Amino acid sequence: MSHAISPFQDSKSVHINLSITTHGEFRAILVKKGLSMQEVFERLASEIVDDNTYLLKMLDDIAVKKKNKELKKFSKTDTESIFYMIERDSPLGESDE
């Protein structure tokens, strides 16, 4: 069963939050491949709905980790973003004096 969206079909808007670093790195990878985030998320959702075994297994793994509280609160990119903001806004940085 294919879930391709025709130009005449309604769509649903979804809003997600990504860390600045994750967003930037993800976007850079997609640009190199000539893809948009919209195209990638639409395809991933369609594959999950179409019972893609690999993606369903990944969802099961995420659910188990969430249940067992094994999901990290901060990913590598979250941590890098936090350190970047601290460094950027630090009063201990270079001064104009």
PDB file of N, CA and C in Angstrom:
ATOM      1  N   MET A   1       0.850  -1.177   0.000  1.00  0.00           N
ATOM      2  CA  MET A   1       0.000   0.000   0.000  1.00  0.00           C
ATOM      3  C   MET A   1       0.896   1.241   0.000  1.00  0.00           C
ATOM      4  N   SER A   2       0.756   2.093  -0.976  1.00  0.00           N
ATOM      5  CA  SER A   2       1.577   3.293  -1.089  1.00  0.00           C
ATOM      6  C   SER A   2       0.809   4.487  -0.535  1.00  0.00           C
ATOM      7  N   HIS A   3       1.529   5.339   0.163  1.00  0.00           N
ATOM      8  CA  HIS A   3       0.902   6.512   0.773  1.00  0.00           C
ATOM      9  C   HIS A   3       1.455   7.802   0.183  1.00  0.00           C
ATOM     10  N   ALA A   4       1.750   7.797  -1.109  1.00  0.00           N
ATOM     11  CA  ALA A   4       2.249   9.005  -1.759  1.00  0.00           C
ATOM     12  C   ALA A   4       1.142  10.058  -1.756  1.00  0.00           C
ATOM     13  N   ILE A   5       1.522  11.289  -1.491  1.00  0.00           N
ATOM     14  CA  ILE A   5       0.541  12.378  -1.442  1.00  0.00           C
ATOM     15  C   ILE A   5       0.425  13.002  -2.825  1.00  0.00           C
ATOM     16  N   SER A   6      -0.789  13.057  -3.336  1.00  0.00           N
ATOM     17  CA  SER A   6      -1.017  13.720  -4.616  1.00  0.00           C
ATOM     18  C   SER A   6      -1.165  15.211  -4.348  1.00  0.00           C
ATOM     19  N   PRO A   7      -0.971  16.030  -5.386  1.00  0.00           N
ATOM     20  CA  PRO A   7      -1.111  17.482  -5.199  1.00  0.00           C
ATOM     21  C   PRO A   7      -2.524  17.888  -4.777  1.00  0.00           C
ATOM     22  N   PHE A   8      -3.498  16.990  -4.982  1.00  0.00           N
ATOM     23  CA  PHE A   8      -4.885  17.320  -4.669  1.00  0.00           C
ATOM     24  C   PHE A   8      -5.322  16.830  -3.290  1.00  0.00           C
ATOM     25  N   GLN A   9      -4.428  16.146  -2.611  1.00  0.00           N
ATOM     26  CA  GLN A   9      -4.754  15.556  -1.312  1.00  0.00           C
ATOM     27  C   GLN A   9      -4.420  16.549  -0.203  1.00  0.00           C
ATOM     28  N   ASP A  10      -5.242  16.583   0.824  1.00  0.00           N
ATOM     29  CA  ASP A  10      -4.955  17.439   1.969  1.00  0.00           C
ATOM     30  C   ASP A  10      -3.740  16.919   2.710  1.00  0.00           C
ATOM     31  N   SER A  11      -3.081  17.810   3.421  1.00  0.00           N
ATOM     32  CA  SER A  11      -1.939  17.386   4.224  1.00  0.00           C
ATOM     33  C   SER A  11      -2.103  17.903   5.646  1.00  0.00           C
ATOM     34  N   LYS A  12      -1.363  17.331   6.538  1.00  0.00           N
ATOM     35  CA  LYS A  12      -1.387  17.695   7.956  1.00  0.00           C
ATOM     36  C   LYS A  12      -0.033  18.293   8.296  1.00  0.00           C
ATOM     37  N   SER A  13      -0.021  19.405   8.961  1.00  0.00           N
ATOM     38  CA  SER A  13       1.218  20.057   9.367  1.00  0.00           C
ATOM     39  C   SER A  13       1.671  19.492  10.706  1.00  0.00           C
ATOM     40  N   VAL A  14       2.948  19.156  10.806  1.00  0.00           N
ATOM     41  CA  VAL A  14       3.523  18.615  12.034  1.00  0.00           C
ATOM     42  C   VAL A  14       4.695  19.501  12.427  1.00  0.00           C
ATOM     43  N   HIS A  15       4.748  19.871  13.680  1.00  0.00           N
ATOM     44  CA  HIS A  15       5.836  20.718  14.163  1.00  0.00           C
ATOM     45  C   HIS A  15       6.662  19.941  15.172  1.00  0.00           C
ATOM     46  N   ILE A  16       7.977  19.926  14.968  1.00  0.00           N
ATOM     47  CA  ILE A  16       8.872  19.231  15.889  1.00  0.00           C
ATOM     48  C   ILE A  16       9.996  20.180  16.287  1.00  0.00           C
ATOM     49  N   ASN A  17      10.600  19.901  17.410  1.00  0.00           N
ATOM     50  CA  ASN A  17      11.754  20.667  17.858  1.00  0.00           C
ATOM     51  C   ASN A  17      12.997  19.801  17.753  1.00  0.00           C
ATOM     52  N   LEU A  18      14.024  20.346  17.149  1.00  0.00           N
ATOM     53  CA  LEU A  18      15.333  19.713  17.070  1.00  0.00           C
ATOM     54  C   LEU A  18      16.333  20.679  17.666  1.00  0.00           C
ATOM     55  N   SER A  19      17.393  20.145  18.263  1.00  0.00           N
ATOM     56  CA  SER A  19      18.426  21.047  18.752  1.00  0.00           C
ATOM     57  C   SER A  19      19.042  21.763  17.552  1.00  0.00           C
ATOM     58  N   ILE A  20      19.647  22.888  17.798  1.00  0.00           N
ATOM     59  CA  ILE A  20      20.258  23.670  16.722  1.00  0.00           C
ATOM     60  C   ILE A  20      21.292  22.836  15.974  1.00  0.00           C
ATOM     61  N   THR A  21      22.107  22.117  16.704  1.00  0.00           N
ATOM     62  CA  THR A  21      23.164  21.326  16.077  1.00  0.00           C
ATOM     63  C   THR A  21      22.590  20.164  15.286  1.00  0.00           C
ATOM     64  N   THR A  22      21.633  19.433  15.858  1.00  0.00           N
ATOM     65  CA  THR A  22      21.014  18.318  15.138  1.00  0.00           C
ATOM     66  C   THR A  22      20.360  18.826  13.861  1.00  0.00           C
ATOM     67  N   HIS A  23      19.620  19.921  13.964  1.00  0.00           N
ATOM     68  CA  HIS A  23      18.955  20.496  12.797  1.00  0.00           C
ATOM     69  C   HIS A  23      19.975  20.847  11.720  1.00  0.00           C
ATOM     70  N   GLY A  24      21.041  21.523  12.099  1.00  0.00           N
ATOM     71  CA  GLY A  24      22.052  21.944  11.133  1.00  0.00           C
ATOM     72  C   GLY A  24      22.745  20.779  10.459  1.00  0.00           C
ATOM     73  N   GLU A  25      23.134  19.783  11.257  1.00  0.00           N
ATOM     74  CA  GLU A  25      23.829  18.621  10.693  1.00  0.00           C
ATOM     75  C   GLU A  25      22.887  17.790   9.820  1.00  0.00           C
ATOM     76  N   PHE A  26      21.651  17.625  10.267  1.00  0.00           N
ATOM     77  CA  PHE A  26      20.655  16.882   9.498  1.00  0.00           C
ATOM     78  C   PHE A  26      20.393  17.583   8.170  1.00  0.00           C
ATOM     79  N   ARG A  27      20.187  18.876   8.229  1.00  0.00           N
ATOM     80  CA  ARG A  27      19.923  19.664   7.025  1.00  0.00           C
ATOM     81  C   ARG A  27      21.098  19.585   6.047  1.00  0.00           C
ATOM     82  N   ALA A  28      22.321  19.659   6.555  1.00  0.00           N
ATOM     83  CA  ALA A  28      23.506  19.588   5.689  1.00  0.00           C
ATOM     84  C   ALA A  28      23.564  18.244   4.953  1.00  0.00           C
ATOM     85  N   ILE A  29      23.270  17.159   5.666  1.00  0.00           N
ATOM     86  CA  ILE A  29      23.264  15.830   5.037  1.00  0.00           C
ATOM     87  C   ILE A  29      22.214  15.777   3.930  1.00  0.00           C
ATOM     88  N   LEU A  30      21.029  16.314   4.229  1.00  0.00           N
ATOM     89  CA  LEU A  30      19.949  16.274   3.241  1.00  0.00           C
ATOM     90  C   LEU A  30      20.258  17.141   2.028  1.00  0.00           C
ATOM     91  N   VAL A  31      20.859  18.303   2.245  1.00  0.00           N
ATOM     92  CA  VAL A  31      21.210  19.186   1.127  1.00  0.00           C
ATOM     93  C   VAL A  31      22.188  18.477   0.195  1.00  0.00           C
ATOM     94  N   LYS A  32      23.168  17.791   0.779  1.00  0.00           N
ATOM     95  CA  LYS A  32      24.144  17.053  -0.043  1.00  0.00           C
ATOM     96  C   LYS A  32      23.469  15.994  -0.906  1.00  0.00           C
ATOM     97  N   LYS A  33      22.353  15.467  -0.424  1.00  0.00           N
ATOM     98  CA  LYS A  33      21.634  14.419  -1.154  1.00  0.00           C
ATOM     99  C   LYS A  33      20.491  14.978  -2.001  1.00  0.00           C
ATOM    100  N   GLY A  34      20.313  16.307  -1.963  1.00  0.00           N
ATOM    101  CA  GLY A  34      19.256  16.928  -2.754  1.00  0.00           C
ATOM    102  C   GLY A  34      17.858  16.666  -2.229  1.00  0.00           C
ATOM    103  N   LEU A  35      17.744  16.492  -0.905  1.00  0.00           N
ATOM    104  CA  LEU A  35      16.460  16.182  -0.276  1.00  0.00           C
ATOM    105  C   LEU A  35      16.028  17.286   0.674  1.00  0.00           C
ATOM    106  N   SER A  36      14.721  17.405   0.865  1.00  0.00           N
ATOM    107  CA  SER A  36      14.187  18.330   1.867  1.00  0.00           C
ATOM    108  C   SER A  36      13.774  17.533   3.102  1.00  0.00           C
ATOM    109  N   MET A  37      13.670  18.221   4.226  1.00  0.00           N
ATOM    110  CA  MET A  37      13.195  17.560   5.441  1.00  0.00           C
ATOM    111  C   MET A  37      11.774  17.048   5.226  1.00  0.00           C
ATOM    112  N   GLN A  38      10.959  17.812   4.523  1.00  0.00           N
ATOM    113  CA  GLN A  38       9.586  17.405   4.234  1.00  0.00           C
ATOM    114  C   GLN A  38       9.569  16.065   3.505  1.00  0.00           C
ATOM    115  N   GLU A  39      10.406  15.932   2.485  1.00  0.00           N
ATOM    116  CA  GLU A  39      10.454  14.688   1.722  1.00  0.00           C
ATOM    117  C   GLU A  39      10.875  13.511   2.593  1.00  0.00           C
ATOM    118  N   VAL A  40      11.874  13.731   3.435  1.00  0.00           N
ATOM    119  CA  VAL A  40      12.391  12.652   4.273  1.00  0.00           C
ATOM    120  C   VAL A  40      11.370  12.233   5.325  1.00  0.00           C
ATOM    121  N   PHE A  41      10.786  13.197   6.038  1.00  0.00           N
ATOM    122  CA  PHE A  41       9.816  12.843   7.071  1.00  0.00           C
ATOM    123  C   PHE A  41       8.567  12.194   6.472  1.00  0.00           C
ATOM    124  N   GLU A  42       8.120  12.677   5.320  1.00  0.00           N
ATOM    125  CA  GLU A  42       6.965  12.077   4.650  1.00  0.00           C
ATOM    126  C   GLU A  42       7.264  10.628   4.283  1.00  0.00           C
ATOM    127  N   ARG A  43       8.455  10.385   3.735  1.00  0.00           N
ATOM    128  CA  ARG A  43       8.808   9.020   3.329  1.00  0.00           C
ATOM    129  C   ARG A  43       8.949   8.101   4.540  1.00  0.00           C
ATOM    130  N   LEU A  44       9.606   8.597   5.612  1.00  0.00           N
ATOM    131  CA  LEU A  44       9.740   7.781   6.824  1.00  0.00           C
ATOM    132  C   LEU A  44       8.375   7.400   7.386  1.00  0.00           C
ATOM    133  N   ALA A  45       7.475   8.373   7.471  1.00  0.00           N
ATOM    134  CA  ALA A  45       6.130   8.093   7.988  1.00  0.00           C
ATOM    135  C   ALA A  45       5.410   7.083   7.100  1.00  0.00           C
ATOM    136  N   SER A  46       5.533   7.237   5.793  1.00  0.00           N
ATOM    137  CA  SER A  46       4.885   6.299   4.867  1.00  0.00           C
ATOM    138  C   SER A  46       5.448   4.896   5.018  1.00  0.00           C
ATOM    139  N   GLU A  47       6.762   4.793   5.159  1.00  0.00           N
ATOM    140  CA  GLU A  47       7.392   3.481   5.328  1.00  0.00           C
ATOM    141  C   GLU A  47       6.931   2.806   6.624  1.00  0.00           C
ATOM    142  N   ILE A  48       6.793   3.583   7.694  1.00  0.00           N
ATOM    143  CA  ILE A  48       6.312   3.022   8.964  1.00  0.00           C
ATOM    144  C   ILE A  48       4.879   2.530   8.812  1.00  0.00           C
ATOM    145  N   VAL A  49       4.039   3.341   8.186  1.00  0.00           N
ATOM    146  CA  VAL A  49       2.645   2.956   7.963  1.00  0.00           C
ATOM    147  C   VAL A  49       2.558   1.708   7.080  1.00  0.00           C
ATOM    148  N   ASP A  50       3.495   1.578   6.155  1.00  0.00           N
ATOM    149  CA  ASP A  50       3.524   0.420   5.248  1.00  0.00           C
ATOM    150  C   ASP A  50       4.240  -0.783   5.856  1.00  0.00           C
ATOM    151  N   ASP A  51       4.468  -0.769   7.171  1.00  0.00           N
ATOM    152  CA  ASP A  51       5.059  -1.895   7.906  1.00  0.00           C
ATOM    153  C   ASP A  51       6.514  -2.201   7.543  1.00  0.00           C
ATOM    154  N   ASN A  52       7.316  -1.171   7.345  1.00  0.00           N
ATOM    155  CA  ASN A  52       8.742  -1.381   7.092  1.00  0.00           C
ATOM    156  C   ASN A  52       9.347  -2.031   8.335  1.00  0.00           C
ATOM    157  N   THR A  53       9.814  -3.244   8.184  1.00  0.00           N
ATOM    158  CA  THR A  53      10.311  -4.038   9.314  1.00  0.00           C
ATOM    159  C   THR A  53      11.434  -3.330  10.073  1.00  0.00           C
ATOM    160  N   TYR A  54      12.389  -2.788   9.356  1.00  0.00           N
ATOM    161  CA  TYR A  54      13.532  -2.111   9.989  1.00  0.00           C
ATOM    162  C   TYR A  54      13.065  -0.923  10.836  1.00  0.00           C
ATOM    163  N   LEU A  55      12.211  -0.083  10.264  1.00  0.00           N
ATOM    164  CA  LEU A  55      11.754   1.104  10.997  1.00  0.00           C
ATOM    165  C   LEU A  55      10.846   0.735  12.166  1.00  0.00           C
ATOM    166  N   LEU A  56      10.005  -0.280  12.002  1.00  0.00           N
ATOM    167  CA  LEU A  56       9.163  -0.720  13.116  1.00  0.00           C
ATOM    168  C   LEU A  56      10.011  -1.276  14.253  1.00  0.00           C
ATOM    169  N   LYS A  57      11.084  -1.992  13.928  1.00  0.00           N
ATOM    170  CA  LYS A  57      12.006  -2.502  14.954  1.00  0.00           C
ATOM    171  C   LYS A  57      12.668  -1.339  15.677  1.00  0.00           C
ATOM    172  N   MET A  58      13.054  -0.320  14.924  1.00  0.00           N
ATOM    173  CA  MET A  58      13.659   0.860  15.542  1.00  0.00           C
ATOM    174  C   MET A  58      12.672   1.527  16.505  1.00  0.00           C
ATOM    175  N   LEU A  59      11.413   1.627  16.116  1.00  0.00           N
ATOM    176  CA  LEU A  59      10.392   2.201  17.006  1.00  0.00           C
ATOM    177  C   LEU A  59      10.222   1.352  18.269  1.00  0.00           C
ATOM    178  N   ASP A  60      10.229   0.029  18.100  1.00  0.00           N
ATOM    179  CA  ASP A  60      10.137  -0.867  19.265  1.00  0.00           C
ATOM    180  C   ASP A  60      11.320  -0.643  20.210  1.00  0.00           C
ATOM    181  N   ASP A  61      12.520  -0.510  19.645  1.00  0.00           N
ATOM    182  CA  ASP A  61      13.720  -0.277  20.453  1.00  0.00           C
ATOM    183  C   ASP A  61      13.615   1.043  21.220  1.00  0.00           C
ATOM    184  N   ILE A  62      13.132   2.076  20.548  1.00  0.00           N
ATOM    185  CA  ILE A  62      12.961   3.375  21.205  1.00  0.00           C
ATOM    186  C   ILE A  62      11.938   3.267  22.329  1.00  0.00           C
ATOM    187  N   ALA A  63      10.836   2.562  22.084  1.00  0.00           N
ATOM    188  CA  ALA A  63       9.791   2.403  23.105  1.00  0.00           C
ATOM    189  C   ALA A  63      10.323   1.666  24.330  1.00  0.00           C
ATOM    190  N   VAL A  64      11.120   0.617  24.111  1.00  0.00           N
ATOM    191  CA  VAL A  64      11.693  -0.140  25.236  1.00  0.00           C
ATOM    192  C   VAL A  64      12.653   0.743  26.022  1.00  0.00           C
ATOM    193  N   LYS A  65      13.501   1.473  25.315  1.00  0.00           N
ATOM    194  CA  LYS A  65      14.448   2.363  26.003  1.00  0.00           C
ATOM    195  C   LYS A  65      13.713   3.445  26.779  1.00  0.00           C
ATOM    196  N   LYS A  66      12.648   3.966  26.218  1.00  0.00           N
ATOM    197  CA  LYS A  66      11.860   4.977  26.924  1.00  0.00           C
ATOM    198  C   LYS A  66      11.239   4.383  28.178  1.00  0.00           C
ATOM    199  N   LYS A  67      10.654   3.192  28.043  1.00  0.00           N
ATOM    200  CA  LYS A  67      10.029   2.522  29.179  1.00  0.00           C
ATOM    201  C   LYS A  67      11.045   2.257  30.286  1.00  0.00           C
ATOM    202  N   ASN A  68      12.244   1.845  29.896  1.00  0.00           N
ATOM    203  CA  ASN A  68      13.302   1.536  30.862  1.00  0.00           C
ATOM    204  C   ASN A  68      14.126   2.759  31.251  1.00  0.00           C
ATOM    205  N   LYS A  69      13.676   3.910  30.776  1.00  0.00           N
ATOM    206  CA  LYS A  69      14.360   5.187  31.065  1.00  0.00           C
ATOM    207  C   LYS A  69      15.829   5.136  30.668  1.00  0.00           C
ATOM    208  N   GLU A  70      16.100   4.472  29.550  1.00  0.00           N
ATOM    209  CA  GLU A  70      17.455   4.370  29.030  1.00  0.00           C
ATOM    210  C   GLU A  70      17.762   5.445  28.001  1.00  0.00           C
ATOM    211  N   LEU A  71      16.742   6.169  27.575  1.00  0.00           N
ATOM    212  CA  LEU A  71      16.986   7.232  26.601  1.00  0.00           C
ATOM    213  C   LEU A  71      17.758   8.336  27.284  1.00  0.00           C
ATOM    214  N   LYS A  72      18.799   8.787  26.610  1.00  0.00           N
ATOM    215  CA  LYS A  72      19.598   9.865  27.168  1.00  0.00           C
ATOM    216  C   LYS A  72      18.775  11.144  27.172  1.00  0.00           C
ATOM    217  N   LYS A  73      18.905  11.905  28.237  1.00  0.00           N
ATOM    218  CA  LYS A  73      18.213  13.184  28.298  1.00  0.00           C
ATOM    219  C   LYS A  73      18.776  14.141  27.257  1.00  0.00           C
ATOM    220  N   PHE A  74      20.081  14.055  27.038  1.00  0.00           N
ATOM    221  CA  PHE A  74      20.736  14.933  26.085  1.00  0.00           C
ATOM    222  C   PHE A  74      21.537  14.107  25.093  1.00  0.00           C
ATOM    223  N   SER A  75      21.323  14.362  23.827  1.00  0.00           N
ATOM    224  CA  SER A  75      22.125  13.696  22.807  1.00  0.00           C
ATOM    225  C   SER A  75      23.441  14.437  22.656  1.00  0.00           C
ATOM    226  N   LYS A  76      24.342  13.878  21.873  1.00  0.00           N
ATOM    227  CA  LYS A  76      25.631  14.524  21.614  1.00  0.00           C
ATOM    228  C   LYS A  76      25.406  15.921  21.052  1.00  0.00           C
ATOM    229  N   THR A  77      24.472  16.052  20.113  1.00  0.00           N
ATOM    230  CA  THR A  77      24.237  17.358  19.509  1.00  0.00           C
ATOM    231  C   THR A  77      23.592  18.336  20.486  1.00  0.00           C
ATOM    232  N   ASP A  78      22.742  17.836  21.398  1.00  0.00           N
ATOM    233  CA  ASP A  78      22.170  18.707  22.429  1.00  0.00           C
ATOM    234  C   ASP A  78      23.281  19.266  23.304  1.00  0.00           C
ATOM    235  N   THR A  79      24.193  18.398  23.717  1.00  0.00           N
ATOM    236  CA  THR A  79      25.291  18.813  24.580  1.00  0.00           C
ATOM    237  C   THR A  79      26.164  19.845  23.884  1.00  0.00           C
ATOM    238  N   GLU A  80      26.472  19.609  22.597  1.00  0.00           N
ATOM    239  CA  GLU A  80      27.275  20.572  21.844  1.00  0.00           C
ATOM    240  C   GLU A  80      26.567  21.917  21.754  1.00  0.00           C
ATOM    241  N   SER A  81      25.261  21.908  21.568  1.00  0.00           N
ATOM    242  CA  SER A  81      24.494  23.150  21.491  1.00  0.00           C
ATOM    243  C   SER A  81      24.539  23.911  22.815  1.00  0.00           C
ATOM    244  N   ILE A  82      24.415  23.176  23.913  1.00  0.00           N
ATOM    245  CA  ILE A  82      24.457  23.805  25.238  1.00  0.00           C
ATOM    246  C   ILE A  82      25.817  24.451  25.473  1.00  0.00           C
ATOM    247  N   PHE A  83      26.896  23.712  25.169  1.00  0.00           N
ATOM    248  CA  PHE A  83      28.234  24.276  25.364  1.00  0.00           C
ATOM    249  C   PHE A  83      28.470  25.478  24.454  1.00  0.00           C
ATOM    250  N   TYR A  84      27.951  25.437  23.232  1.00  0.00           N
ATOM    251  CA  TYR A  84      28.087  26.563  22.312  1.00  0.00           C
ATOM    252  C   TYR A  84      27.403  27.804  22.899  1.00  0.00           C
ATOM    253  N   MET A  85      26.186  27.643  23.432  1.00  0.00           N
ATOM    254  CA  MET A  85      25.458  28.778  23.999  1.00  0.00           C
ATOM    255  C   MET A  85      26.166  29.330  25.228  1.00  0.00           C
ATOM    256  N   ILE A  86      26.698  28.444  26.074  1.00  0.00           N
ATOM    257  CA  ILE A  86      27.425  28.891  27.263  1.00  0.00           C
ATOM    258  C   ILE A  86      28.655  29.681  26.843  1.00  0.00           C
ATOM    259  N   GLU A  87      29.401  29.135  25.885  1.00  0.00           N
ATOM    260  CA  GLU A  87      30.615  29.804  25.420  1.00  0.00           C
ATOM    261  C   GLU A  87      30.287  31.151  24.778  1.00  0.00           C
ATOM    262  N   ARG A  88      29.242  31.186  23.976  1.00  0.00           N
ATOM    263  CA  ARG A  88      28.853  32.414  23.268  1.00  0.00           C
ATOM    264  C   ARG A  88      28.414  33.506  24.241  1.00  0.00           C
ATOM    265  N   ASP A  89      27.696  33.130  25.286  1.00  0.00           N
ATOM    266  CA  ASP A  89      27.130  34.109  26.201  1.00  0.00           C
ATOM    267  C   ASP A  89      27.945  34.309  27.470  1.00  0.00           C
ATOM    268  N   SER A  90      29.120  33.686  27.540  1.00  0.00           N
ATOM    269  CA  SER A  90      29.918  33.753  28.758  1.00  0.00           C
ATOM    270  C   SER A  90      30.497  35.147  28.983  1.00  0.00           C
ATOM    271  N   PRO A  91      30.374  35.681  30.200  1.00  0.00           N
ATOM    272  CA  PRO A  91      30.987  36.966  30.519  1.00  0.00           C
ATOM    273  C   PRO A  91      32.504  36.829  30.683  1.00  0.00           C
ATOM    274  N   LEU A  92      33.005  35.616  30.675  1.00  0.00           N
ATOM    275  CA  LEU A  92      34.443  35.384  30.826  1.00  0.00           C
ATOM    276  C   LEU A  92      35.167  35.369  29.481  1.00  0.00           C
ATOM    277  N   GLY A  93      34.429  35.540  28.403  1.00  0.00           N
ATOM    278  CA  GLY A  93      35.026  35.542  27.072  1.00  0.00           C
ATOM    279  C   GLY A  93      35.814  36.811  26.838  1.00  0.00           C
ATOM    280  N   GLU A  94      36.218  37.016  25.589  1.00  0.00           N
ATOM    281  CA  GLU A  94      37.002  38.197  25.245  1.00  0.00           C
ATOM    282  C   GLU A  94      36.200  39.458  25.526  1.00  0.00           C
ATOM    283  N   SER A  95      36.901  40.474  25.983  1.00  0.00           N
ATOM    284  CA  SER A  95      36.235  41.744  26.246  1.00  0.00           C
ATOM    285  C   SER A  95      36.766  42.781  25.270  1.00  0.00           C
ATOM    286  N   ASP A  96      36.077  43.919  25.175  1.00  0.00           N
ATOM    287  CA  ASP A  96      36.454  44.990  24.252  1.00  0.00           C
ATOM    288  C   ASP A  96      37.449  45.953  24.883  1.00  0.00           C
ATOM    289  N   GLU A  97      37.884  45.694  26.089  1.00  0.00           N
ATOM    290  CA  GLU A  97      38.782  46.614  26.778  1.00  0.00           C
ATOM    291  C   GLU A  97      40.170  46.509  26.282  1.00  0.00           C
TER     292      GLU A  97
END
